[in-house]
Amino acid sequence: MRALAKLRFEIVTAERVVYSDDVDVVIAPGVEGQMGILPSHAPLLTMLQPGELVVRKEGEETAMFVSGGFLEVLQNRVTVLADVAERAEEIDIARAEEAKRRAEERLREHPPEVDLAAAEAALRRALVRIKIAERRKRRASSGGAQGL
């Protein structure tokens, strides 16, 4: 019996390799919406938007936050270059809540020196980080991974 094809997946920031393994599928937040990458995918180079990136390997899911960046698919290799990337278990919920509070305050008060688009982007990033971390916490307390 022939083994099922895998994707070699790597997510890298300037500081470190966040994740590197052979996986079954990658689900990434593309600029035009969520995209799924399976083995034998056509070559692709695209930008990512801030959001949740999920890899599935043998029925287990690993969720990560990416701040944006680039995704390349070439010959069953998927490489993500991101400014910031964190595994769900690395997300500091208190820090994300504080970032959310600061962004909401900037948007509410909107002093002239505040870039509203940057404040909105900061709020979106904080909300995604909180959602990923809380979902992981719920799964851990319920006793296992669940499919998306």
N, C-alpha and C. Protein backbone atom coordinates (compact mmCIF):
# COMPACT_ATOMS: atom_id res chain seq x y z
N MET A 1 0.84 -1.19 0.00
CA MET A 1 0.00 0.00 0.00
C MET A 1 0.88 1.25 0.00
N ARG A 2 0.55 2.19 -0.84
CA ARG A 2 1.34 3.41 -0.99
C ARG A 2 0.97 4.44 0.07
N ALA A 3 1.97 5.11 0.64
CA ALA A 3 1.71 6.14 1.66
C ALA A 3 1.08 7.36 1.00
N LEU A 4 0.19 8.01 1.74
CA LEU A 4 -0.44 9.22 1.24
C LEU A 4 0.59 10.34 1.16
N ALA A 5 0.45 11.18 0.16
CA ALA A 5 1.37 12.30 -0.02
C ALA A 5 1.22 13.30 1.12
N LYS A 6 2.31 13.93 1.46
CA LYS A 6 2.33 14.94 2.52
C LYS A 6 2.87 16.24 1.94
N LEU A 7 2.65 17.31 2.68
CA LEU A 7 3.22 18.61 2.36
C LEU A 7 4.32 18.89 3.37
N ARG A 8 5.44 19.39 2.92
CA ARG A 8 6.47 19.86 3.84
C ARG A 8 6.08 21.30 4.15
N PHE A 9 5.77 21.59 5.41
CA PHE A 9 5.30 22.92 5.80
C PHE A 9 6.28 23.57 6.76
N GLU A 10 6.53 24.84 6.51
CA GLU A 10 7.41 25.61 7.39
C GLU A 10 6.88 27.03 7.49
N ILE A 11 6.81 27.52 8.74
CA ILE A 11 6.45 28.92 8.96
C ILE A 11 7.61 29.57 9.68
N VAL A 12 8.09 30.67 9.10
CA VAL A 12 9.33 31.30 9.55
C VAL A 12 9.11 32.80 9.76
N THR A 13 9.70 33.31 10.87
CA THR A 13 9.76 34.76 11.09
C THR A 13 11.23 35.15 11.06
N ALA A 14 11.52 36.42 11.20
CA ALA A 14 12.91 36.86 11.22
C ALA A 14 13.66 36.27 12.42
N GLU A 15 12.94 35.97 13.50
CA GLU A 15 13.57 35.48 14.73
C GLU A 15 13.73 33.97 14.80
N ARG A 16 12.78 33.21 14.18
CA ARG A 16 12.80 31.77 14.42
C ARG A 16 11.93 31.00 13.43
N VAL A 17 12.11 29.69 13.44
CA VAL A 17 11.21 28.79 12.74
C VAL A 17 10.11 28.45 13.74
N VAL A 18 8.88 28.84 13.43
CA VAL A 18 7.75 28.65 14.34
C VAL A 18 7.22 27.22 14.27
N TYR A 19 7.24 26.64 13.07
CA TYR A 19 6.71 25.29 12.87
C TYR A 19 7.36 24.71 11.63
N SER A 20 7.74 23.44 11.71
CA SER A 20 8.31 22.77 10.55
C SER A 20 8.00 21.28 10.67
N ASP A 21 7.23 20.74 9.70
CA ASP A 21 6.84 19.34 9.76
C ASP A 21 6.18 18.94 8.45
N ASP A 22 5.99 17.64 8.27
CA ASP A 22 5.21 17.13 7.15
C ASP A 22 3.76 17.08 7.60
N VAL A 23 2.85 17.66 6.81
CA VAL A 23 1.45 17.77 7.20
C VAL A 23 0.54 17.31 6.05
N ASP A 24 -0.75 17.14 6.38
CA ASP A 24 -1.72 16.72 5.38
C ASP A 24 -2.36 17.89 4.64
N VAL A 25 -2.62 18.98 5.35
CA VAL A 25 -3.29 20.14 4.76
C VAL A 25 -2.88 21.39 5.52
N VAL A 26 -2.84 22.51 4.80
CA VAL A 26 -2.60 23.83 5.38
C VAL A 26 -3.78 24.71 5.02
N ILE A 27 -4.35 25.38 6.02
CA ILE A 27 -5.46 26.31 5.79
C ILE A 27 -4.95 27.69 6.22
N ALA A 28 -4.89 28.61 5.27
CA ALA A 28 -4.25 29.90 5.51
C ALA A 28 -5.18 31.07 5.20
N PRO A 29 -4.98 32.19 5.90
CA PRO A 29 -5.81 33.38 5.66
C PRO A 29 -5.27 34.22 4.49
N GLY A 30 -5.66 33.86 3.30
CA GLY A 30 -5.22 34.61 2.12
C GLY A 30 -5.89 35.97 2.05
N VAL A 31 -5.34 36.85 1.26
CA VAL A 31 -5.91 38.19 1.14
C VAL A 31 -7.29 38.16 0.50
N GLU A 32 -7.61 37.09 -0.21
CA GLU A 32 -8.94 36.97 -0.83
C GLU A 32 -9.83 36.00 -0.07
N GLY A 33 -9.41 35.56 1.13
CA GLY A 33 -10.19 34.62 1.93
C GLY A 33 -9.37 33.40 2.30
N GLN A 34 -10.00 32.51 3.07
CA GLN A 34 -9.32 31.29 3.50
C GLN A 34 -8.95 30.45 2.30
N MET A 35 -7.77 29.81 2.35
CA MET A 35 -7.38 28.91 1.27
C MET A 35 -6.83 27.62 1.86
N GLY A 36 -7.18 26.53 1.24
CA GLY A 36 -6.67 25.22 1.65
C GLY A 36 -5.63 24.73 0.67
N ILE A 37 -4.54 24.22 1.21
CA ILE A 37 -3.46 23.69 0.37
C ILE A 37 -3.32 22.20 0.68
N LEU A 38 -3.47 21.38 -0.35
CA LEU A 38 -3.32 19.93 -0.23
C LEU A 38 -2.10 19.49 -1.03
N PRO A 39 -1.61 18.27 -0.80
CA PRO A 39 -0.50 17.77 -1.62
C PRO A 39 -0.81 17.88 -3.11
N SER A 40 0.22 18.10 -3.89
CA SER A 40 0.15 18.26 -5.35
C SER A 40 -0.53 19.56 -5.77
N HIS A 41 -0.60 20.54 -4.88
CA HIS A 41 -1.17 21.85 -5.22
C HIS A 41 -0.30 22.52 -6.28
N ALA A 42 -0.92 23.28 -7.14
CA ALA A 42 -0.19 24.04 -8.17
C ALA A 42 0.72 25.06 -7.50
N PRO A 43 1.84 25.42 -8.14
CA PRO A 43 2.70 26.46 -7.58
C PRO A 43 1.91 27.74 -7.32
N LEU A 44 2.25 28.41 -6.23
CA LEU A 44 1.49 29.58 -5.82
C LEU A 44 2.38 30.47 -4.98
N LEU A 45 2.24 31.77 -5.16
CA LEU A 45 2.86 32.76 -4.29
C LEU A 45 1.80 33.80 -4.02
N THR A 46 1.46 34.01 -2.75
CA THR A 46 0.39 34.94 -2.41
C THR A 46 0.67 35.62 -1.09
N MET A 47 0.00 36.74 -0.88
CA MET A 47 0.10 37.45 0.39
C MET A 47 -0.93 36.87 1.36
N LEU A 48 -0.60 36.95 2.65
CA LEU A 48 -1.52 36.54 3.69
C LEU A 48 -1.99 37.77 4.44
N GLN A 49 -3.19 37.69 4.97
CA GLN A 49 -3.68 38.75 5.85
C GLN A 49 -3.57 38.24 7.29
N PRO A 50 -3.61 39.12 8.25
CA PRO A 50 -3.56 38.66 9.64
C PRO A 50 -4.73 37.72 9.91
N GLY A 51 -4.43 36.61 10.56
CA GLY A 51 -5.49 35.66 10.85
C GLY A 51 -4.97 34.36 11.38
N GLU A 52 -5.84 33.36 11.36
CA GLU A 52 -5.52 32.03 11.88
C GLU A 52 -5.03 31.14 10.75
N LEU A 53 -3.92 30.50 10.97
CA LEU A 53 -3.38 29.51 10.05
C LEU A 53 -3.48 28.16 10.77
N VAL A 54 -4.03 27.16 10.09
CA VAL A 54 -4.21 25.84 10.70
C VAL A 54 -3.51 24.80 9.84
N VAL A 55 -2.79 23.89 10.50
CA VAL A 55 -2.23 22.73 9.80
C VAL A 55 -2.87 21.49 10.40
N ARG A 56 -3.16 20.52 9.54
CA ARG A 56 -3.70 19.24 9.99
C ARG A 56 -2.70 18.14 9.65
N LYS A 57 -2.46 17.30 10.64
CA LYS A 57 -1.55 16.17 10.47
C LYS A 57 -2.15 14.98 11.19
N GLU A 58 -2.49 13.96 10.42
CA GLU A 58 -3.02 12.71 10.98
C GLU A 58 -4.18 12.97 11.94
N GLY A 59 -5.11 13.85 11.54
CA GLY A 59 -6.30 14.12 12.32
C GLY A 59 -6.13 15.15 13.43
N GLU A 60 -4.90 15.56 13.72
CA GLU A 60 -4.65 16.57 14.75
C GLU A 60 -4.48 17.94 14.08
N GLU A 61 -5.01 18.97 14.73
CA GLU A 61 -4.88 20.33 14.22
C GLU A 61 -3.95 21.15 15.09
N THR A 62 -3.17 21.99 14.45
CA THR A 62 -2.34 22.97 15.15
C THR A 62 -2.72 24.33 14.60
N ALA A 63 -3.17 25.22 15.49
CA ALA A 63 -3.59 26.56 15.08
C ALA A 63 -2.48 27.55 15.43
N MET A 64 -2.30 28.53 14.55
CA MET A 64 -1.30 29.57 14.74
C MET A 64 -1.86 30.91 14.31
N PHE A 65 -1.35 31.96 14.91
CA PHE A 65 -1.67 33.32 14.48
C PHE A 65 -0.56 33.79 13.56
N VAL A 66 -0.94 34.39 12.43
CA VAL A 66 0.04 35.05 11.56
C VAL A 66 -0.41 36.49 11.37
N SER A 67 0.56 37.40 11.37
CA SER A 67 0.25 38.82 11.23
C SER A 67 0.13 39.24 9.78
N GLY A 68 0.25 38.31 8.90
CA GLY A 68 0.31 38.60 7.47
C GLY A 68 1.61 38.00 6.96
N GLY A 69 1.99 38.36 5.77
CA GLY A 69 3.23 37.82 5.22
C GLY A 69 2.97 37.22 3.85
N PHE A 70 3.79 36.22 3.51
CA PHE A 70 3.71 35.58 2.21
C PHE A 70 3.67 34.07 2.35
N LEU A 71 2.95 33.42 1.44
CA LEU A 71 2.88 31.97 1.39
C LEU A 71 3.31 31.53 0.01
N GLU A 72 4.20 30.55 -0.04
CA GLU A 72 4.66 29.99 -1.31
C GLU A 72 4.40 28.50 -1.31
N VAL A 73 3.85 27.99 -2.40
CA VAL A 73 3.68 26.55 -2.60
C VAL A 73 4.51 26.17 -3.81
N LEU A 74 5.39 25.19 -3.63
CA LEU A 74 6.23 24.73 -4.73
C LEU A 74 6.64 23.29 -4.45
N GLN A 75 6.26 22.37 -5.32
CA GLN A 75 6.64 20.96 -5.24
C GLN A 75 6.38 20.35 -3.86
N ASN A 76 5.13 20.40 -3.41
CA ASN A 76 4.71 19.84 -2.12
C ASN A 76 5.43 20.45 -0.93
N ARG A 77 5.92 21.68 -1.09
CA ARG A 77 6.51 22.44 0.02
C ARG A 77 5.69 23.72 0.17
N VAL A 78 5.29 24.00 1.39
CA VAL A 78 4.56 25.23 1.69
C VAL A 78 5.41 26.01 2.68
N THR A 79 5.79 27.21 2.29
CA THR A 79 6.62 28.05 3.14
C THR A 79 5.87 29.34 3.40
N VAL A 80 5.78 29.71 4.68
CA VAL A 80 5.16 30.98 5.08
C VAL A 80 6.25 31.84 5.70
N LEU A 81 6.40 33.05 5.18
CA LEU A 81 7.28 34.06 5.75
C LEU A 81 6.39 35.11 6.38
N ALA A 82 6.47 35.26 7.71
CA ALA A 82 5.57 36.16 8.42
C ALA A 82 6.37 37.10 9.30
N ASP A 83 5.86 38.33 9.47
CA ASP A 83 6.48 39.26 10.42
C ASP A 83 6.35 38.71 11.83
N VAL A 84 5.14 38.23 12.16
CA VAL A 84 4.86 37.67 13.48
C VAL A 84 4.06 36.39 13.27
N ALA A 85 4.43 35.35 14.00
CA ALA A 85 3.66 34.10 14.00
C ALA A 85 3.79 33.47 15.38
N GLU A 86 2.67 32.99 15.89
CA GLU A 86 2.66 32.36 17.21
C GLU A 86 1.77 31.13 17.16
N ARG A 87 2.21 30.06 17.79
CA ARG A 87 1.34 28.91 17.99
C ARG A 87 0.29 29.31 19.01
N ALA A 88 -0.87 28.66 18.96
CA ALA A 88 -1.96 29.00 19.88
C ALA A 88 -1.51 28.97 21.33
N GLU A 89 -0.71 27.98 21.70
CA GLU A 89 -0.27 27.85 23.09
C GLU A 89 0.73 28.93 23.51
N GLU A 90 1.30 29.65 22.56
CA GLU A 90 2.26 30.72 22.87
C GLU A 90 1.59 32.08 23.06
N ILE A 91 0.33 32.18 22.69
CA ILE A 91 -0.36 33.47 22.75
C ILE A 91 -0.61 33.86 24.20
N ASP A 92 -0.18 35.04 24.56
CA ASP A 92 -0.40 35.60 25.89
C ASP A 92 -1.75 36.33 25.84
N ILE A 93 -2.78 35.69 26.42
CA ILE A 93 -4.14 36.25 26.33
C ILE A 93 -4.20 37.62 27.01
N ALA A 94 -3.54 37.77 28.16
CA ALA A 94 -3.57 39.06 28.87
C ALA A 94 -2.98 40.17 28.01
N ARG A 95 -1.88 39.86 27.32
CA ARG A 95 -1.25 40.86 26.44
C ARG A 95 -2.16 41.18 25.26
N ALA A 96 -2.82 40.16 24.71
CA ALA A 96 -3.75 40.39 23.59
C ALA A 96 -4.95 41.21 24.04
N GLU A 97 -5.46 40.94 25.23
CA GLU A 97 -6.58 41.73 25.78
C GLU A 97 -6.17 43.19 25.97
N GLU A 98 -4.95 43.42 26.44
CA GLU A 98 -4.46 44.78 26.64
C GLU A 98 -4.31 45.49 25.28
N ALA A 99 -3.81 44.80 24.27
CA ALA A 99 -3.70 45.38 22.92
C ALA A 99 -5.08 45.72 22.38
N LYS A 100 -6.05 44.86 22.63
CA LYS A 100 -7.44 45.11 22.21
C LYS A 100 -7.97 46.37 22.89
N ARG A 101 -7.76 46.46 24.19
CA ARG A 101 -8.24 47.62 24.95
C ARG A 101 -7.62 48.92 24.43
N ARG A 102 -6.31 48.91 24.17
CA ARG A 102 -5.62 50.11 23.65
C ARG A 102 -6.16 50.49 22.28
N ALA A 103 -6.35 49.52 21.41
CA ALA A 103 -6.86 49.80 20.06
C ALA A 103 -8.28 50.36 20.13
N GLU A 104 -9.12 49.77 20.98
CA GLU A 104 -10.49 50.27 21.11
C GLU A 104 -10.49 51.71 21.65
N GLU A 105 -9.60 51.99 22.58
CA GLU A 105 -9.50 53.34 23.14
C GLU A 105 -9.08 54.34 22.06
N ARG A 106 -8.08 53.97 21.25
CA ARG A 106 -7.64 54.85 20.16
C ARG A 106 -8.76 55.12 19.17
N LEU A 107 -9.52 54.07 18.87
CA LEU A 107 -10.62 54.23 17.91
C LEU A 107 -11.75 55.08 18.50
N ARG A 108 -12.01 54.92 19.77
CA ARG A 108 -13.08 55.67 20.43
C ARG A 108 -12.73 57.16 20.52
N GLU A 109 -11.49 57.44 20.93
CA GLU A 109 -11.07 58.84 21.13
C GLU A 109 -10.56 59.48 19.85
N HIS A 110 -10.05 58.71 18.94
CA HIS A 110 -9.37 59.09 17.69
C HIS A 110 -8.77 60.50 17.68
N PRO A 111 -7.71 60.69 18.50
CA PRO A 111 -6.99 61.96 18.41
C PRO A 111 -6.37 62.11 17.02
N PRO A 112 -6.09 63.34 16.61
CA PRO A 112 -5.61 63.58 15.24
C PRO A 112 -4.31 62.86 14.90
N GLU A 113 -3.45 62.60 15.88
CA GLU A 113 -2.17 61.95 15.57
C GLU A 113 -2.30 60.43 15.40
N VAL A 114 -3.49 59.86 15.65
CA VAL A 114 -3.68 58.41 15.55
C VAL A 114 -4.13 58.04 14.14
N ASP A 115 -3.43 57.08 13.58
CA ASP A 115 -3.79 56.52 12.27
C ASP A 115 -4.92 55.51 12.50
N LEU A 116 -6.13 55.86 12.07
CA LEU A 116 -7.29 55.01 12.31
C LEU A 116 -7.16 53.64 11.66
N ALA A 117 -6.60 53.59 10.46
CA ALA A 117 -6.43 52.29 9.79
C ALA A 117 -5.49 51.40 10.59
N ALA A 118 -4.43 51.97 11.14
CA ALA A 118 -3.49 51.19 11.95
C ALA A 118 -4.16 50.72 13.24
N ALA A 119 -4.99 51.56 13.85
CA ALA A 119 -5.70 51.18 15.07
C ALA A 119 -6.70 50.07 14.78
N GLU A 120 -7.40 50.15 13.65
CA GLU A 120 -8.34 49.09 13.27
C GLU A 120 -7.61 47.78 13.01
N ALA A 121 -6.46 47.85 12.35
CA ALA A 121 -5.66 46.65 12.09
C ALA A 121 -5.17 46.04 13.40
N ALA A 122 -4.74 46.87 14.34
CA ALA A 122 -4.28 46.38 15.64
C ALA A 122 -5.43 45.69 16.38
N LEU A 123 -6.62 46.26 16.29
CA LEU A 123 -7.79 45.65 16.93
C LEU A 123 -8.10 44.30 16.31
N ARG A 124 -8.08 44.22 14.98
CA ARG A 124 -8.33 42.93 14.30
C ARG A 124 -7.30 41.88 14.71
N ARG A 125 -6.01 42.26 14.77
CA ARG A 125 -4.96 41.32 15.18
C ARG A 125 -5.21 40.82 16.60
N ALA A 126 -5.54 41.72 17.51
CA ALA A 126 -5.78 41.34 18.90
C ALA A 126 -6.98 40.40 18.99
N LEU A 127 -8.05 40.69 18.28
CA LEU A 127 -9.24 39.85 18.33
C LEU A 127 -8.96 38.43 17.80
N VAL A 128 -8.18 38.34 16.72
CA VAL A 128 -7.85 37.01 16.17
C VAL A 128 -6.99 36.24 17.17
N ARG A 129 -5.99 36.89 17.75
CA ARG A 129 -5.13 36.22 18.73
C ARG A 129 -5.95 35.70 19.91
N ILE A 130 -6.88 36.52 20.40
CA ILE A 130 -7.74 36.10 21.52
C ILE A 130 -8.60 34.91 21.12
N LYS A 131 -9.19 34.97 19.94
CA LYS A 131 -10.06 33.88 19.46
C LYS A 131 -9.28 32.57 19.35
N ILE A 132 -8.09 32.61 18.79
CA ILE A 132 -7.28 31.40 18.64
C ILE A 132 -6.92 30.83 20.01
N ALA A 133 -6.46 31.68 20.92
CA ALA A 133 -6.05 31.21 22.24
C ALA A 133 -7.24 30.66 23.02
N GLU A 134 -8.38 31.32 22.96
CA GLU A 134 -9.56 30.84 23.70
C GLU A 134 -10.09 29.53 23.13
N ARG A 135 -10.06 29.38 21.80
CA ARG A 135 -10.50 28.12 21.19
C ARG A 135 -9.59 26.98 21.63
N ARG A 136 -8.28 27.23 21.69
CA ARG A 136 -7.35 26.20 22.15
C ARG A 136 -7.63 25.82 23.60
N LYS A 137 -7.91 26.84 24.43
CA LYS A 137 -8.20 26.60 25.83
C LYS A 137 -9.47 25.75 25.98
N ARG A 138 -10.51 26.06 25.20
CA ARG A 138 -11.76 25.28 25.24
C ARG A 138 -11.52 23.84 24.81
N ARG A 139 -10.75 23.66 23.75
CA ARG A 139 -10.46 22.29 23.27
C ARG A 139 -9.69 21.50 24.31
N ALA A 140 -8.71 22.15 24.94
CA ALA A 140 -7.91 21.47 25.95
C ALA A 140 -8.78 21.06 27.13
N SER A 141 -9.72 21.91 27.53
CA SER A 141 -10.57 21.59 28.67
C SER A 141 -11.66 20.57 28.31
N SER A 142 -12.00 20.47 27.01
CA SER A 142 -13.01 19.48 26.60
C SER A 142 -12.38 18.14 26.26
N GLY A 143 -11.05 18.10 26.26
CA GLY A 143 -10.38 16.81 26.11
C GLY A 143 -9.96 16.40 24.71
N GLY A 144 -9.73 17.35 23.80
CA GLY A 144 -9.18 16.94 22.51
C GLY A 144 -9.44 17.90 21.40
N ALA A 145 -8.83 17.60 20.26
CA ALA A 145 -8.97 18.45 19.07
C ALA A 145 -10.27 18.12 18.36
N GLN A 146 -10.84 19.14 17.76
CA GLN A 146 -12.03 18.98 16.96
C GLN A 146 -11.76 19.58 15.60
N GLY A 147 -12.39 19.06 14.56
CA GLY A 147 -12.19 19.58 13.22
C GLY A 147 -12.82 20.94 13.05
N LEU A 148 -12.33 21.71 12.10
CA LEU A 148 -12.92 23.02 11.80
C LEU A 148 -14.15 22.86 10.98
